[in-house]
Amino acid sequence: MELMKELSLAPGVSGSEEKIAEIITRELKDVADKIETDSMGNIIATKKGEKKAPTVMLAAHMDEIGLMVRYIDDNGYIKFSNIGGINDQMLMNQTVTVHSSIGEPIVGVIGSKPPHVTTAEERNKVVKATDMFIDIGAKDKEEAEKMVRIGDKMTFNSLFVEYPNNLIMGKALDNRVGCYVMMEVLKRVNTRATVYGVGTVQEEVGLKGAKTSAFKLNPDLAIALDVTLSG
């Protein structure tokens, strides 16, 4: 459970999966015969089998949905772009961590125009992400630009909680659960086949890492480890 918690809380927005790749490397370095990272950032752990036996690819994407700094207005508020499929309704009032490229990570909160300055028509509408902003406590644009840069990625802040009945709550369980399963299989598997455990990148923005790593390995069998709706 400690490993699952570490995987969940680690940041890894699409295109910035390095922290997850580090965890996978640490966990599999004594298990795999070879670990490599390709030019896209996919991490491939190989457990060699017999020469003429089949090859099996276990693919689990490392990335999570998140946000990116798109614009900083004169008041120091951040306008943002979504990375991956995000429902606008889930964004309001969430706190995020801006992974600043020029300093320490910064916590911000997502807000919008407050209700006492909105019209009745506006109050009855779902607020769109394009009308939201992130407050990082900066007094103006100049101060904000000393804290963050356009293009900086953001992750959602969340607890990791164990519930009764073997349930958990946390960030990025899509697909850190798959990463956990992939690593656990490589640790336990005993087979004639060569098994590739692959942590893939950029699934949330188009299955990019899964496609490129599959072409590289050309396995006889590929299994995607991911999550879906329960029930």
Protein backbone atom coordinates (compact mmCIF):
# COMPACT_ATOMS: atom_id res chain seq x y z
CA MET A 1 0.00 0.00 0.00
CA GLU A 2 2.93 2.37 0.64
CA LEU A 3 4.08 1.87 -2.97
CA MET A 4 0.55 2.49 -4.27
CA LYS A 5 0.40 5.69 -2.21
CA GLU A 6 3.78 6.86 -3.55
CA LEU A 7 2.67 6.21 -7.13
CA SER A 8 -0.60 8.06 -6.61
CA LEU A 9 0.87 11.18 -5.03
CA ALA A 10 3.84 11.52 -7.40
CA PRO A 11 3.38 14.12 -10.17
CA GLY A 12 3.34 12.89 -13.77
CA VAL A 13 1.23 14.99 -16.14
CA SER A 14 1.38 13.86 -19.78
CA GLY A 15 4.82 14.71 -21.13
CA SER A 16 6.38 14.95 -17.64
CA GLU A 17 6.35 11.36 -16.39
CA GLU A 18 9.93 11.28 -15.06
CA LYS A 19 9.02 10.83 -11.37
CA ILE A 20 6.96 7.73 -12.14
CA ALA A 21 9.71 6.34 -14.35
CA GLU A 22 12.15 6.75 -11.42
CA ILE A 23 9.87 4.72 -9.14
CA ILE A 24 9.49 1.95 -11.73
CA THR A 25 13.27 1.83 -12.27
CA ARG A 26 13.89 1.58 -8.53
CA GLU A 27 11.33 -1.19 -8.07
CA LEU A 28 12.45 -3.32 -11.03
CA LYS A 29 16.23 -2.82 -11.09
CA ASP A 30 16.82 -6.10 -9.24
CA VAL A 31 14.11 -7.96 -11.16
CA ALA A 32 14.58 -7.05 -14.82
CA ASP A 33 17.50 -8.17 -16.98
CA LYS A 34 17.46 -4.80 -18.76
CA ILE A 35 15.82 -1.41 -18.20
CA GLU A 36 15.88 1.28 -20.88
CA THR A 37 14.17 4.56 -21.66
CA ASP A 38 13.36 5.40 -25.28
CA SER A 39 13.37 8.85 -26.89
CA MET A 40 9.68 9.42 -26.06
CA GLY A 41 10.24 8.69 -22.36
CA ASN A 42 8.67 5.21 -22.24
CA ILE A 43 10.46 2.99 -19.73
CA ILE A 44 10.95 -0.64 -20.80
CA ALA A 45 11.90 -3.34 -18.30
CA THR A 46 12.79 -6.66 -19.93
CA LYS A 47 12.65 -10.02 -18.18
CA LYS A 48 14.28 -12.41 -20.66
CA GLY A 49 12.82 -15.81 -21.44
CA GLU A 50 13.89 -18.65 -23.70
CA LYS A 51 15.12 -17.81 -27.20
CA LYS A 52 12.23 -19.24 -29.24
CA ALA A 53 9.50 -18.50 -26.70
CA PRO A 54 6.84 -15.83 -27.28
CA THR A 55 7.28 -12.20 -26.24
CA VAL A 56 4.66 -10.48 -24.09
CA MET A 57 4.28 -6.73 -23.55
CA LEU A 58 2.54 -5.43 -20.42
CA ALA A 59 1.79 -1.73 -21.00
CA ALA A 60 0.67 0.68 -18.27
CA HIS A 61 0.59 4.41 -18.88
CA MET A 62 2.41 6.56 -16.36
CA ASP A 63 0.82 9.92 -17.14
CA GLU A 64 -2.12 11.66 -15.52
CA ILE A 65 -4.45 14.47 -16.51
CA GLY A 66 -3.50 17.96 -15.38
CA LEU A 67 -3.26 21.62 -16.34
CA MET A 68 -0.71 23.95 -17.94
CA VAL A 69 -0.06 27.66 -17.47
CA ARG A 70 -1.34 29.38 -20.63
CA TYR A 71 -1.41 33.07 -19.69
CA ILE A 72 -0.79 35.39 -16.73
CA ASP A 73 -3.08 38.42 -16.51
CA ASP A 74 -2.29 41.87 -15.12
CA ASN A 75 -3.63 40.90 -11.68
CA GLY A 76 -1.25 37.93 -11.42
CA TYR A 77 -3.94 35.32 -12.04
CA ILE A 78 -3.13 32.27 -14.16
CA LYS A 79 -5.26 31.22 -17.11
CA PHE A 80 -4.74 27.58 -17.95
CA SER A 81 -5.16 24.84 -20.54
CA ASN A 82 -6.35 21.32 -19.79
CA ILE A 83 -4.04 18.37 -20.43
CA GLY A 84 -6.16 15.30 -21.09
CA GLY A 85 -9.90 14.87 -20.79
CA ILE A 86 -11.15 16.94 -17.85
CA ASN A 87 -14.75 17.75 -16.92
CA ASP A 88 -14.94 21.51 -16.29
CA GLN A 89 -17.33 20.97 -13.36
CA MET A 90 -14.66 19.12 -11.35
CA LEU A 91 -12.21 22.03 -11.54
CA MET A 92 -13.93 24.71 -9.50
CA ASN A 93 -12.34 25.41 -6.09
CA GLN A 94 -9.74 22.67 -6.44
CA THR A 95 -6.23 23.31 -5.28
CA VAL A 96 -3.35 22.56 -7.62
CA THR A 97 0.42 22.41 -7.45
CA VAL A 98 2.21 24.41 -10.11
CA HIS A 99 5.47 22.62 -10.89
CA SER A 100 7.42 25.79 -11.55
CA SER A 101 10.34 25.65 -13.96
CA ILE A 102 12.02 28.58 -12.18
CA GLY A 103 11.60 27.70 -8.52
CA GLU A 104 9.86 25.59 -5.93
CA PRO A 105 6.40 24.07 -6.54
CA ILE A 106 3.61 26.53 -5.73
CA VAL A 107 0.09 25.78 -4.53
CA GLY A 108 -2.75 27.62 -6.24
CA VAL A 109 -6.53 27.55 -6.04
CA ILE A 110 -8.95 27.56 -8.95
CA GLY A 111 -11.61 30.26 -8.82
CA SER A 112 -13.95 32.30 -11.00
CA LYS A 113 -16.11 35.41 -10.76
CA PRO A 114 -17.81 35.29 -7.30
CA PRO A 115 -21.62 34.91 -7.15
CA HIS A 116 -22.32 38.40 -5.75
CA VAL A 117 -20.95 40.00 -8.96
CA THR A 118 -22.57 37.61 -11.43
CA THR A 119 -25.91 37.92 -13.16
CA ALA A 120 -28.76 35.48 -12.50
CA GLU A 121 -28.17 34.00 -15.94
CA GLU A 122 -24.46 33.46 -15.19
CA ARG A 123 -25.22 31.81 -11.84
CA ASN A 124 -27.41 29.20 -13.55
CA LYS A 125 -24.71 28.16 -16.00
CA VAL A 126 -21.83 25.73 -15.56
CA VAL A 127 -18.65 27.77 -15.37
CA LYS A 128 -16.32 26.90 -18.24
CA ALA A 129 -12.61 26.30 -17.68
CA THR A 130 -11.89 29.25 -19.97
CA ASP A 131 -13.66 31.51 -17.45
CA MET A 132 -11.71 30.21 -14.46
CA PHE A 133 -8.35 31.35 -13.14
CA ILE A 134 -5.75 30.15 -10.65
CA ASP A 135 -4.70 32.35 -7.74
CA ILE A 136 -1.13 31.75 -6.53
CA GLY A 137 -1.08 34.76 -4.19
CA ALA A 138 0.80 37.08 -6.54
CA LYS A 139 -0.16 40.77 -6.34
CA ASP A 140 0.32 41.39 -10.06
CA LYS A 141 1.66 39.97 -13.33
CA GLU A 142 5.25 40.98 -12.60
CA GLU A 143 5.33 39.11 -9.29
CA ALA A 144 3.61 36.05 -10.78
CA GLU A 145 6.19 35.88 -13.58
CA LYS A 146 8.91 35.58 -10.92
CA MET A 147 7.12 32.49 -9.58
CA VAL A 148 5.92 30.58 -12.65
CA ARG A 149 6.34 30.47 -16.42
CA ILE A 150 3.95 29.90 -19.31
CA GLY A 151 4.07 26.17 -20.08
CA ASP A 152 4.53 25.04 -16.46
CA LYS A 153 2.49 21.93 -15.67
CA MET A 154 0.07 21.57 -12.77
CA THR A 155 -1.24 18.56 -10.87
CA PHE A 156 -4.36 18.34 -8.72
CA ASN A 157 -3.84 18.10 -4.97
CA SER A 158 -5.46 15.08 -3.38
CA LEU A 159 -5.25 12.91 -0.30
CA PHE A 160 -4.52 9.21 -0.47
CA VAL A 161 -6.99 7.37 1.75
CA GLU A 162 -7.60 3.69 2.47
CA TYR A 163 -11.30 2.91 2.78
CA PRO A 164 -13.03 -0.22 4.13
CA ASN A 165 -13.65 -3.14 1.76
CA ASN A 166 -10.23 -2.88 0.08
CA LEU A 167 -11.02 0.47 -1.51
CA ILE A 168 -8.72 3.46 -1.94
CA MET A 169 -9.13 7.10 -2.92
CA GLY A 170 -6.37 9.11 -4.51
CA LYS A 171 -5.03 11.13 -7.40
CA ALA A 172 -4.03 9.53 -10.69
CA LEU A 173 -5.26 6.03 -9.88
CA ASP A 174 -5.79 6.12 -13.66
CA ASN A 175 -3.29 4.70 -14.23
CA ARG A 176 -0.88 4.28 -11.33
CA VAL A 177 -2.91 1.17 -10.46
CA GLY A 178 -1.85 -0.23 -13.84
CA CYS A 179 1.77 0.68 -13.15
CA TYR A 180 1.57 -1.14 -9.83
CA VAL A 181 0.10 -4.26 -11.45
CA MET A 182 2.75 -4.23 -14.19
CA MET A 183 5.55 -4.09 -11.63
CA GLU A 184 3.99 -6.75 -9.43
CA VAL A 185 3.63 -9.13 -12.39
CA LEU A 186 7.28 -8.68 -13.33
CA LYS A 187 8.31 -9.38 -9.74
CA ARG A 188 6.26 -12.61 -9.58
CA VAL A 189 6.18 -14.03 -13.10
CA ASN A 190 7.86 -17.35 -13.90
CA THR A 191 7.55 -18.14 -17.59
CA ARG A 192 9.39 -19.28 -20.71
CA ALA A 193 8.28 -16.10 -22.45
CA THR A 194 10.20 -12.84 -22.58
CA VAL A 195 8.12 -10.27 -20.72
CA TYR A 196 8.38 -6.53 -21.32
CA GLY A 197 7.01 -4.32 -18.56
CA VAL A 198 6.44 -0.93 -20.16
CA GLY A 199 5.54 2.33 -18.46
CA THR A 200 4.18 4.39 -21.33
CA VAL A 201 3.92 8.16 -21.73
CA GLN A 202 1.23 10.53 -23.00
CA GLU A 203 -1.74 8.16 -22.99
CA GLU A 204 -4.10 10.91 -21.84
CA VAL A 205 -3.33 12.95 -24.96
CA GLY A 206 -3.47 10.22 -27.60
CA LEU A 207 -1.95 6.82 -26.68
CA LYS A 208 1.37 8.11 -27.99
CA GLY A 209 3.80 6.16 -25.83
CA ALA A 210 1.88 2.89 -26.18
CA LYS A 211 2.01 3.15 -29.97
CA THR A 212 5.72 3.93 -30.22
CA SER A 213 6.83 1.31 -27.68
CA ALA A 214 4.68 -1.36 -29.36
CA PHE A 215 6.34 -0.65 -32.71
CA LYS A 216 9.76 -0.80 -31.06
CA LEU A 217 9.18 -4.13 -29.30
CA ASN A 218 6.85 -5.82 -31.83
CA PRO A 219 5.63 -8.35 -29.23
CA ASP A 220 3.65 -11.51 -29.99
CA LEU A 221 1.09 -10.47 -27.38
CA ALA A 222 0.37 -7.08 -25.79
CA ILE A 223 -1.82 -6.50 -22.74
CA ALA A 224 -2.91 -2.99 -21.75
CA LEU A 225 -3.20 -2.55 -17.98
CA ASP A 226 -5.56 0.34 -17.23
CA VAL A 227 -8.67 1.24 -15.26
CA THR A 228 -12.29 1.74 -16.23
CA LEU A 229 -15.65 2.45 -14.62
CA SER A 230 -16.52 -0.01 -11.86
CA GLY A 231 -19.74 -2.02 -11.92
